[in-house]
Amino acid sequence: MSTPALELQRRLIRAMSPEQKIRAAEALRRAVWDLKAAWIRSQHPEMPEPDVQDAVRRWFRDDYRDADPERHLRDIAAMRRISGELIDQPALEGWIARLGLDAEWRKALETE
C-alpha cells in the first residue's frame, strides 16, 4: 500500500470509535462470507441454502486451521506495522496473559 493511502487509512481508523471498528470488521467478514457463498452456489447450483452456509462455515474453519502457522504470524506482524499505534497495548497484553499466549506472542513479535 502506498504511503499516502496508508496514512489516509490510519487517519480514518483513528477517527473511528471502537464500536465503529468492530462494525467495520464485521462488515468485512460478512462480505467475505457472502462472496464465498456466491462462489459455492455458482459451482453447485443444486445445493440447498443450508448446505451452502455449512460449506462456507467449514471453509472458514478449515482455512484457519489448515493455514500455514507462519502466515498467521505474518498477518499479525502486518497488522502491527499498519495499525500498531492504534492498538491498546495494555489491554492486548492483558488478554495475552489471560489466555496463556505468551510464547505465541513472543514468536509473533520475532516475525516483525
Protein backbone atom coordinates (compact mmCIF):
# COMPACT_ATOMS: atom_id res chain seq x y z
CA MET A 1 0.00 0.00 0.00
CA SER A 2 1.37 3.42 -0.88
CA THR A 3 2.32 5.83 1.87
CA PRO A 4 -0.50 8.35 1.16
CA ALA A 5 -3.07 5.56 1.11
CA LEU A 6 -1.65 4.07 4.32
CA GLU A 7 -1.71 7.46 6.04
CA LEU A 8 -5.31 8.00 4.97
CA GLN A 9 -6.24 4.55 6.27
CA ARG A 10 -4.58 5.32 9.61
CA ARG A 11 -6.39 8.66 9.93
CA LEU A 12 -9.71 7.04 9.16
CA ILE A 13 -9.16 4.23 11.66
CA ARG A 14 -8.01 6.67 14.36
CA ALA A 15 -11.21 8.66 13.88
CA MET A 16 -13.40 5.60 14.37
CA SER A 17 -14.86 4.65 17.72
CA PRO A 18 -14.24 1.10 18.99
CA GLU A 19 -17.82 0.24 18.06
CA GLN A 20 -17.29 1.55 14.51
CA LYS A 21 -14.12 -0.54 14.19
CA ILE A 22 -15.97 -3.67 15.28
CA ARG A 23 -18.79 -2.92 12.83
CA ALA A 24 -16.27 -2.40 10.00
CA ALA A 25 -14.55 -5.70 10.81
CA GLU A 26 -17.91 -7.48 10.90
CA ALA A 27 -18.92 -5.93 7.56
CA LEU A 28 -15.67 -7.15 6.01
CA ARG A 29 -16.17 -10.65 7.43
CA ARG A 30 -19.75 -10.67 6.12
CA ALA A 31 -18.58 -9.56 2.65
CA VAL A 32 -16.04 -12.40 2.51
CA TRP A 33 -18.71 -14.85 3.72
CA ASP A 34 -21.18 -13.68 1.06
CA LEU A 35 -18.56 -13.88 -1.71
CA LYS A 36 -17.62 -17.42 -0.71
CA ALA A 37 -21.31 -18.43 -0.57
CA ALA A 38 -21.88 -16.94 -4.03
CA TRP A 39 -18.93 -18.89 -5.43
CA ILE A 40 -20.21 -22.15 -3.88
CA ARG A 41 -23.68 -21.51 -5.34
CA SER A 42 -22.14 -20.89 -8.77
CA GLN A 43 -20.27 -24.20 -8.58
CA HIS A 44 -23.19 -26.17 -7.09
CA PRO A 45 -26.48 -24.53 -8.18
CA GLU A 46 -28.47 -27.52 -6.91
CA MET A 47 -27.11 -27.21 -3.36
CA PRO A 48 -29.74 -26.25 -0.75
CA GLU A 49 -29.02 -22.98 1.06
CA PRO A 50 -28.40 -24.60 4.48
CA ASP A 51 -25.73 -26.75 2.84
CA VAL A 52 -24.17 -23.68 1.20
CA GLN A 53 -23.95 -21.99 4.59
CA ASP A 54 -22.44 -25.14 6.16
CA ALA A 55 -19.86 -25.28 3.36
CA VAL A 56 -18.90 -21.64 3.98
CA ARG A 57 -18.64 -22.30 7.72
CA ARG A 58 -16.36 -25.30 7.08
CA TRP A 59 -14.25 -23.24 4.67
CA PHE A 60 -13.69 -20.51 7.29
CA ARG A 61 -12.87 -23.10 9.95
CA ASP A 62 -10.61 -25.23 7.77
CA ASP A 63 -8.84 -22.26 6.19
CA TYR A 64 -7.82 -21.01 9.63
CA ARG A 65 -6.97 -24.46 10.99
CA ASP A 66 -5.04 -25.62 7.94
CA ALA A 67 -3.24 -22.37 7.19
CA ASP A 68 0.49 -22.19 7.46
CA PRO A 69 1.20 -21.07 11.06
CA GLU A 70 3.80 -18.69 9.66
CA ARG A 71 1.02 -16.99 7.68
CA HIS A 72 -0.76 -16.11 10.92
CA LEU A 73 2.48 -14.67 12.30
CA ARG A 74 2.99 -12.61 9.13
CA ASP A 75 -0.61 -11.37 9.37
CA ILE A 76 -0.05 -10.27 12.98
CA ALA A 77 3.20 -8.52 12.01
CA ALA A 78 1.41 -6.71 9.16
CA MET A 79 -1.43 -5.60 11.44
CA ARG A 80 1.07 -4.23 13.96
CA ARG A 81 3.04 -2.47 11.22
CA ILE A 82 -0.07 -0.85 9.72
CA SER A 83 -2.09 -0.12 12.87
CA GLY A 84 0.35 -0.58 15.74
CA GLU A 85 -0.17 2.84 17.27
CA LEU A 86 -3.94 2.26 17.31
CA ILE A 87 -3.69 -0.91 19.39
CA ASP A 88 -4.42 -0.68 23.11
CA GLN A 89 -1.18 -2.37 24.15
CA PRO A 90 -2.00 -2.83 27.89
CA ALA A 91 -5.37 -4.43 27.03
CA LEU A 92 -3.74 -6.66 24.43
CA GLU A 93 -1.02 -7.78 26.84
CA GLY A 94 -3.67 -8.49 29.48
CA TRP A 95 -5.55 -10.78 27.11
CA ILE A 96 -2.35 -12.48 26.01
CA ALA A 97 -1.54 -13.27 29.65
CA ARG A 98 -5.12 -14.37 30.48
CA LEU A 99 -5.24 -16.70 27.50
CA GLY A 100 -1.74 -18.09 28.12
CA LEU A 101 -0.44 -16.99 24.73
CA ASP A 102 2.89 -15.55 25.87
CA ALA A 103 5.06 -17.94 23.82
CA GLU A 104 2.96 -17.44 20.70
CA TRP A 105 3.05 -13.65 21.14
CA ARG A 106 6.84 -13.64 21.50
CA LYS A 107 7.07 -15.65 18.28
CA ALA A 108 4.77 -13.16 16.53
CA LEU A 109 6.94 -10.27 17.69
CA GLU A 110 10.05 -12.04 16.39
CA THR A 111 8.41 -12.24 12.95
CA GLU A 112 8.29 -8.46 12.58
